[in-house]
Every structure is written in C-alpha cells, then in structure tokens.
Amino acid sequence: MSRSVNKIILIGNVGRDPEIQQTKSGTKVAHFSLATDRWKSADSDQEDRPDWHRLTLWNLQAQFAEEYIRIGDHIYVEGRLEYDSYERDGVTIPTAEIIVHSVVKLSSKAGASDKGLEEAA
C-alpha cells in the first residue's frame, strides 16, 4: 500500500482577529489569515512581499484562537492543505485553506516574547 503526506508548517503573523462561529451541534470553528514573508533573491530587483494563507481551526484550537490569538501575533501552525471551490455569478472560484491541527503563539503583537509559549494541540 502506498503512503502519502499532506502536512503544512507555517510561521507568520496573524492578518486579522479570528472570526469565531459555531456549528448547529455547538462545535467552535475559527477562521483568520496568516502572512508569511516571501523573500527575494539577492540578485533580484523584486520587492519582498507576503503570502497570505487562510486558516481554519476547529474545537480546542478554535477556542484557543478565540481567547489568545489577535491581529499581529506571531504564530506557528501545523495542519493540512485542503482545496475546494465555490460558484459566484456562474464562475467557479477555487480556494485553498489550511486546516490547522496545532497552533503555538510565539509572541504577541507588540513583539515582546510571552512568559511562556502557549499551545493548543
């Protein structure tokens, strides 16, 4: 039997406060964006720019995000990449999001290190 892997590891800055929702059964889900830097090569005249990632967190990770994650925070996430699409005005729009399995807050918006690393796994 063949094996496959779908694992994403990102370290970046939160682009907006988490949007928290609940399913009909009461399960929490959080959505927010994460920016990672795309560095240019030394011989390139292009500017550095961020790559934006859509994150989705469920259950305990969503609760953690609701309580501790804010815009500008520096975080570490592990998860899987999931592709989907939706239709708008007859046009199919592809989407990609990270389904987060583990999140660690590395520092707060001010850039000061927290007394300890906070984690939800």
N, C-alpha and C. Protein backbone atom coordinates (compact mmCIF):
# COMPACT_ATOMS: atom_id res chain seq x y z
N MET A 1 0.85 -1.17 0.00
CA MET A 1 0.00 0.00 0.00
C MET A 1 0.89 1.24 0.00
N SER A 2 0.54 2.21 -0.84
CA SER A 2 1.34 3.43 -0.91
C SER A 2 0.92 4.40 0.19
N ARG A 3 1.84 5.26 0.56
CA ARG A 3 1.57 6.29 1.58
C ARG A 3 1.62 7.65 0.93
N SER A 4 0.94 8.58 1.53
CA SER A 4 1.00 9.96 1.07
C SER A 4 1.02 10.88 2.28
N VAL A 5 1.47 12.12 2.06
CA VAL A 5 1.58 13.08 3.15
C VAL A 5 1.00 14.41 2.69
N ASN A 6 0.21 15.03 3.54
CA ASN A 6 -0.31 16.38 3.31
C ASN A 6 -0.11 17.11 4.62
N LYS A 7 1.05 17.76 4.77
CA LYS A 7 1.39 18.46 6.01
C LYS A 7 1.95 19.82 5.67
N ILE A 8 1.42 20.83 6.33
CA ILE A 8 1.85 22.21 6.15
C ILE A 8 2.37 22.73 7.49
N ILE A 9 3.51 23.39 7.46
CA ILE A 9 4.05 24.06 8.65
C ILE A 9 4.30 25.51 8.25
N LEU A 10 3.72 26.43 9.01
CA LEU A 10 3.87 27.86 8.72
C LEU A 10 4.23 28.60 9.99
N ILE A 11 5.06 29.61 9.85
CA ILE A 11 5.34 30.58 10.92
C ILE A 11 5.13 31.95 10.30
N GLY A 12 4.25 32.73 10.92
CA GLY A 12 3.96 34.04 10.35
C GLY A 12 3.18 34.92 11.30
N ASN A 13 2.64 36.01 10.75
CA ASN A 13 1.91 36.99 11.54
C ASN A 13 0.43 36.96 11.19
N VAL A 14 -0.40 37.02 12.22
CA VAL A 14 -1.84 36.97 12.05
C VAL A 14 -2.30 38.26 11.36
N GLY A 15 -3.09 38.11 10.29
CA GLY A 15 -3.53 39.24 9.50
C GLY A 15 -4.83 39.88 9.96
N ARG A 16 -5.63 39.14 10.72
CA ARG A 16 -6.87 39.68 11.27
C ARG A 16 -7.29 38.84 12.46
N ASP A 17 -8.06 39.45 13.36
CA ASP A 17 -8.55 38.70 14.52
C ASP A 17 -9.39 37.52 14.04
N PRO A 18 -9.34 36.41 14.78
CA PRO A 18 -10.12 35.25 14.39
C PRO A 18 -11.62 35.55 14.35
N GLU A 19 -12.28 35.02 13.35
CA GLU A 19 -13.75 35.08 13.25
C GLU A 19 -14.24 33.74 13.80
N ILE A 20 -15.01 33.79 14.86
CA ILE A 20 -15.47 32.58 15.55
C ILE A 20 -16.92 32.31 15.18
N GLN A 21 -17.19 31.04 14.84
CA GLN A 21 -18.55 30.59 14.55
C GLN A 21 -18.80 29.29 15.31
N GLN A 22 -20.06 28.89 15.38
CA GLN A 22 -20.42 27.61 15.98
C GLN A 22 -21.33 26.86 15.03
N THR A 23 -21.10 25.55 14.93
CA THR A 23 -21.99 24.71 14.14
C THR A 23 -23.29 24.51 14.91
N LYS A 24 -24.28 23.93 14.28
CA LYS A 24 -25.56 23.66 14.94
C LYS A 24 -25.38 22.75 16.16
N SER A 25 -24.37 21.91 16.10
CA SER A 25 -24.11 20.99 17.22
C SER A 25 -23.26 21.63 18.32
N GLY A 26 -22.85 22.89 18.14
CA GLY A 26 -22.09 23.60 19.17
C GLY A 26 -20.59 23.55 19.02
N THR A 27 -20.08 22.97 17.94
CA THR A 27 -18.64 22.90 17.71
C THR A 27 -18.13 24.27 17.25
N LYS A 28 -17.07 24.75 17.90
CA LYS A 28 -16.48 26.04 17.50
C LYS A 28 -15.55 25.87 16.31
N VAL A 29 -15.58 26.90 15.45
CA VAL A 29 -14.67 26.96 14.32
C VAL A 29 -14.16 28.40 14.20
N ALA A 30 -12.87 28.55 13.96
CA ALA A 30 -12.26 29.87 13.83
C ALA A 30 -11.63 30.00 12.45
N HIS A 31 -11.75 31.19 11.87
CA HIS A 31 -11.14 31.50 10.57
C HIS A 31 -10.34 32.78 10.72
N PHE A 32 -9.10 32.79 10.21
CA PHE A 32 -8.32 34.01 10.12
C PHE A 32 -7.20 33.83 9.12
N SER A 33 -6.51 34.92 8.80
CA SER A 33 -5.45 34.87 7.81
C SER A 33 -4.08 34.96 8.48
N LEU A 34 -3.09 34.39 7.80
CA LEU A 34 -1.71 34.40 8.28
C LEU A 34 -0.81 34.85 7.14
N ALA A 35 0.10 35.77 7.42
CA ALA A 35 1.05 36.26 6.42
C ALA A 35 2.42 35.64 6.68
N THR A 36 3.02 35.11 5.61
CA THR A 36 4.40 34.67 5.68
C THR A 36 5.17 35.48 4.64
N ASP A 37 6.43 35.76 4.92
CA ASP A 37 7.24 36.58 4.01
C ASP A 37 7.79 35.74 2.87
N ARG A 38 7.70 36.28 1.67
CA ARG A 38 8.35 35.67 0.51
C ARG A 38 9.58 36.53 0.22
N TRP A 39 10.74 35.97 0.45
CA TRP A 39 11.98 36.73 0.30
C TRP A 39 12.45 36.68 -1.13
N LYS A 40 12.99 37.80 -1.58
CA LYS A 40 13.56 37.87 -2.92
C LYS A 40 15.00 37.39 -2.87
N SER A 41 15.51 36.96 -3.99
CA SER A 41 16.91 36.57 -4.05
C SER A 41 17.77 37.83 -4.09
N ALA A 42 19.02 37.71 -3.72
CA ALA A 42 19.92 38.86 -3.63
C ALA A 42 20.11 39.54 -4.98
N ASP A 43 20.03 38.79 -6.07
CA ASP A 43 20.26 39.38 -7.40
C ASP A 43 18.95 39.79 -8.09
N SER A 44 17.85 39.78 -7.37
CA SER A 44 16.55 40.15 -7.94
C SER A 44 16.21 41.59 -7.60
N ASP A 45 15.52 42.25 -8.51
CA ASP A 45 15.08 43.61 -8.23
C ASP A 45 13.61 43.64 -7.81
N GLN A 46 13.04 42.48 -7.51
CA GLN A 46 11.68 42.43 -7.00
C GLN A 46 11.67 42.77 -5.51
N GLU A 47 10.54 43.29 -5.03
CA GLU A 47 10.41 43.61 -3.62
C GLU A 47 9.93 42.39 -2.85
N ASP A 48 10.30 42.34 -1.54
CA ASP A 48 9.76 41.31 -0.67
C ASP A 48 8.25 41.52 -0.58
N ARG A 49 7.51 40.42 -0.48
CA ARG A 49 6.06 40.56 -0.33
C ARG A 49 5.53 39.39 0.48
N PRO A 50 4.39 39.59 1.13
CA PRO A 50 3.84 38.50 1.93
C PRO A 50 3.02 37.53 1.08
N ASP A 51 2.96 36.29 1.52
CA ASP A 51 2.00 35.32 1.02
C ASP A 51 0.93 35.20 2.09
N TRP A 52 -0.34 35.20 1.69
CA TRP A 52 -1.45 35.12 2.64
C TRP A 52 -2.05 33.73 2.62
N HIS A 53 -2.33 33.21 3.81
CA HIS A 53 -2.89 31.86 3.96
C HIS A 53 -4.18 31.95 4.77
N ARG A 54 -5.19 31.22 4.32
CA ARG A 54 -6.46 31.14 5.05
C ARG A 54 -6.39 29.96 6.01
N LEU A 55 -6.61 30.23 7.30
CA LEU A 55 -6.54 29.19 8.32
C LEU A 55 -7.93 28.88 8.86
N THR A 56 -8.18 27.60 9.11
CA THR A 56 -9.40 27.15 9.77
C THR A 56 -9.01 26.27 10.94
N LEU A 57 -9.54 26.58 12.11
CA LEU A 57 -9.26 25.83 13.33
C LEU A 57 -10.58 25.34 13.91
N TRP A 58 -10.59 24.12 14.43
CA TRP A 58 -11.79 23.51 14.99
C TRP A 58 -11.58 23.19 16.47
N ASN A 59 -12.68 23.10 17.19
CA ASN A 59 -12.72 22.62 18.56
C ASN A 59 -11.78 23.37 19.50
N LEU A 60 -10.83 22.64 20.12
CA LEU A 60 -9.93 23.26 21.10
C LEU A 60 -9.02 24.32 20.47
N GLN A 61 -8.59 24.08 19.23
CA GLN A 61 -7.76 25.07 18.56
C GLN A 61 -8.56 26.35 18.31
N ALA A 62 -9.84 26.22 17.97
CA ALA A 62 -10.70 27.39 17.77
C ALA A 62 -10.90 28.13 19.08
N GLN A 63 -11.08 27.40 20.16
CA GLN A 63 -11.22 28.02 21.49
C GLN A 63 -9.95 28.78 21.85
N PHE A 64 -8.79 28.18 21.60
CA PHE A 64 -7.51 28.82 21.86
C PHE A 64 -7.39 30.11 21.04
N ALA A 65 -7.74 30.04 19.76
CA ALA A 65 -7.67 31.22 18.89
C ALA A 65 -8.58 32.33 19.41
N GLU A 66 -9.79 31.96 19.82
CA GLU A 66 -10.74 32.95 20.32
C GLU A 66 -10.19 33.68 21.55
N GLU A 67 -9.52 32.95 22.42
CA GLU A 67 -9.04 33.53 23.68
C GLU A 67 -7.69 34.22 23.56
N TYR A 68 -6.80 33.74 22.71
CA TYR A 68 -5.41 34.20 22.75
C TYR A 68 -4.85 34.82 21.47
N ILE A 69 -5.42 34.53 20.31
CA ILE A 69 -4.82 34.98 19.05
C ILE A 69 -5.44 36.30 18.61
N ARG A 70 -4.59 37.28 18.28
CA ARG A 70 -5.04 38.59 17.82
C ARG A 70 -4.20 39.03 16.62
N ILE A 71 -4.72 39.99 15.89
CA ILE A 71 -4.02 40.53 14.73
C ILE A 71 -2.60 40.94 15.13
N GLY A 72 -1.63 40.59 14.29
CA GLY A 72 -0.24 40.95 14.53
C GLY A 72 0.55 39.92 15.31
N ASP A 73 -0.12 38.97 15.98
CA ASP A 73 0.60 37.95 16.74
C ASP A 73 1.45 37.09 15.81
N HIS A 74 2.58 36.65 16.32
CA HIS A 74 3.49 35.76 15.60
C HIS A 74 3.18 34.34 16.05
N ILE A 75 2.78 33.45 15.12
CA ILE A 75 2.36 32.10 15.50
C ILE A 75 3.01 31.04 14.62
N TYR A 76 2.99 29.83 15.13
CA TYR A 76 3.45 28.62 14.43
C TYR A 76 2.21 27.74 14.27
N VAL A 77 1.96 27.23 13.07
CA VAL A 77 0.84 26.31 12.86
C VAL A 77 1.29 25.09 12.07
N GLU A 78 0.65 23.97 12.37
CA GLU A 78 0.79 22.74 11.60
C GLU A 78 -0.60 22.31 11.19
N GLY A 79 -0.72 21.81 9.98
CA GLY A 79 -2.01 21.34 9.51
C GLY A 79 -1.90 20.70 8.15
N ARG A 80 -3.04 20.66 7.47
CA ARG A 80 -3.07 20.08 6.13
C ARG A 80 -3.68 21.09 5.16
N LEU A 81 -3.30 20.99 3.91
CA LEU A 81 -3.81 21.85 2.86
C LEU A 81 -5.06 21.21 2.28
N GLU A 82 -6.13 21.99 2.17
CA GLU A 82 -7.38 21.48 1.63
C GLU A 82 -7.87 22.40 0.52
N TYR A 83 -8.19 21.81 -0.62
CA TYR A 83 -8.68 22.57 -1.77
C TYR A 83 -10.19 22.40 -1.89
N ASP A 84 -10.85 23.45 -2.35
CA ASP A 84 -12.29 23.42 -2.57
C ASP A 84 -12.61 24.47 -3.62
N SER A 85 -13.87 24.71 -3.86
CA SER A 85 -14.28 25.76 -4.78
C SER A 85 -15.71 26.15 -4.46
N TYR A 86 -16.09 27.33 -4.95
CA TYR A 86 -17.47 27.76 -4.84
C TYR A 86 -17.82 28.49 -6.13
N GLU A 87 -19.10 28.70 -6.34
CA GLU A 87 -19.52 29.36 -7.56
C GLU A 87 -20.09 30.74 -7.25
N ARG A 88 -19.67 31.74 -8.03
CA ARG A 88 -20.17 33.10 -7.89
C ARG A 88 -20.47 33.64 -9.29
N ASP A 89 -21.68 34.03 -9.51
CA ASP A 89 -22.12 34.58 -10.80
C ASP A 89 -21.78 33.65 -11.96
N GLY A 90 -21.95 32.35 -11.74
CA GLY A 90 -21.70 31.37 -12.78
C GLY A 90 -20.24 31.02 -13.00
N VAL A 91 -19.35 31.59 -12.17
CA VAL A 91 -17.91 31.33 -12.30
C VAL A 91 -17.45 30.51 -11.10
N THR A 92 -16.71 29.43 -11.36
CA THR A 92 -16.17 28.61 -10.29
C THR A 92 -14.89 29.23 -9.76
N ILE A 93 -14.86 29.50 -8.44
CA ILE A 93 -13.71 30.12 -7.79
C ILE A 93 -13.00 29.06 -6.96
N PRO A 94 -11.74 28.71 -7.30
CA PRO A 94 -11.01 27.74 -6.49
C PRO A 94 -10.53 28.37 -5.18
N THR A 95 -10.49 27.57 -4.12
CA THR A 95 -9.99 28.05 -2.83
C THR A 95 -8.98 27.04 -2.28
N ALA A 96 -8.13 27.53 -1.39
CA ALA A 96 -7.19 26.68 -0.67
C ALA A 96 -7.13 27.21 0.75
N GLU A 97 -7.20 26.31 1.72
CA GLU A 97 -7.09 26.73 3.11
C GLU A 97 -6.30 25.70 3.90
N ILE A 98 -5.76 26.16 5.02
CA ILE A 98 -5.01 25.29 5.91
C ILE A 98 -5.95 24.87 7.04
N ILE A 99 -6.17 23.58 7.20
CA ILE A 99 -6.92 23.05 8.33
C ILE A 99 -5.89 22.79 9.42
N VAL A 100 -5.93 23.61 10.47
CA VAL A 100 -4.89 23.61 11.50
C VAL A 100 -5.14 22.52 12.53
N HIS A 101 -4.08 21.74 12.81
CA HIS A 101 -4.13 20.70 13.84
C HIS A 101 -3.44 21.14 15.12
N SER A 102 -2.48 22.06 14.99
CA SER A 102 -1.72 22.53 16.14
C SER A 102 -1.32 23.98 15.93
N VAL A 103 -1.44 24.79 16.98
CA VAL A 103 -1.07 26.20 16.89
C VAL A 103 -0.29 26.58 18.14
N VAL A 104 0.78 27.34 17.96
CA VAL A 104 1.61 27.83 19.07
C VAL A 104 1.76 29.34 18.89
N LYS A 105 1.43 30.08 19.93
CA LYS A 105 1.63 31.54 19.90
C LYS A 105 3.07 31.81 20.31
N LEU A 106 3.84 32.40 19.39
CA LEU A 106 5.26 32.65 19.64
C LEU A 106 5.48 33.99 20.32
N SER A 107 4.76 35.01 19.91
CA SER A 107 4.85 36.32 20.56
C SER A 107 3.60 37.13 20.24
N SER A 108 3.38 38.15 21.04
CA SER A 108 2.21 38.99 20.86
C SER A 108 2.51 40.09 19.84
N LYS A 109 1.49 40.86 19.52
CA LYS A 109 1.59 41.91 18.51
C LYS A 109 2.73 42.88 18.78
N ALA A 110 2.93 43.20 20.05
CA ALA A 110 3.97 44.16 20.41
C ALA A 110 5.37 43.64 20.11
N GLY A 111 5.46 42.32 19.83
CA GLY A 111 6.76 41.73 19.52
C GLY A 111 7.50 41.25 20.75
N ALA A 112 6.97 41.53 21.93
CA ALA A 112 7.60 41.06 23.16
C ALA A 112 7.29 39.59 23.35
N SER A 113 8.26 38.83 23.76
CA SER A 113 8.05 37.41 24.00
C SER A 113 7.11 37.22 25.18
N ASP A 114 6.22 36.24 25.05
CA ASP A 114 5.36 35.89 26.16
C ASP A 114 6.18 35.16 27.20
N LYS A 115 5.71 35.13 28.45
CA LYS A 115 6.46 34.47 29.52
C LYS A 115 6.68 33.00 29.20
N GLY A 116 5.72 32.38 28.55
CA GLY A 116 5.86 31.00 28.12
C GLY A 116 5.12 30.83 26.82
N LEU A 117 5.45 29.82 26.09
CA LEU A 117 4.75 29.57 24.84
C LEU A 117 3.39 28.99 25.17
N GLU A 118 2.35 29.50 24.52
CA GLU A 118 1.01 28.98 24.69
C GLU A 118 0.73 28.09 23.51
N GLU A 119 0.10 26.93 23.77
CA GLU A 119 -0.10 25.96 22.72
C GLU A 119 -1.44 25.28 22.84
N ALA A 120 -2.01 24.98 21.71
CA ALA A 120 -3.21 24.14 21.64
C ALA A 120 -2.90 23.06 20.61
N ALA A 121 -2.94 21.81 21.02
CA ALA A 121 -2.65 20.72 20.10
C ALA A 121 -3.72 19.67 20.13
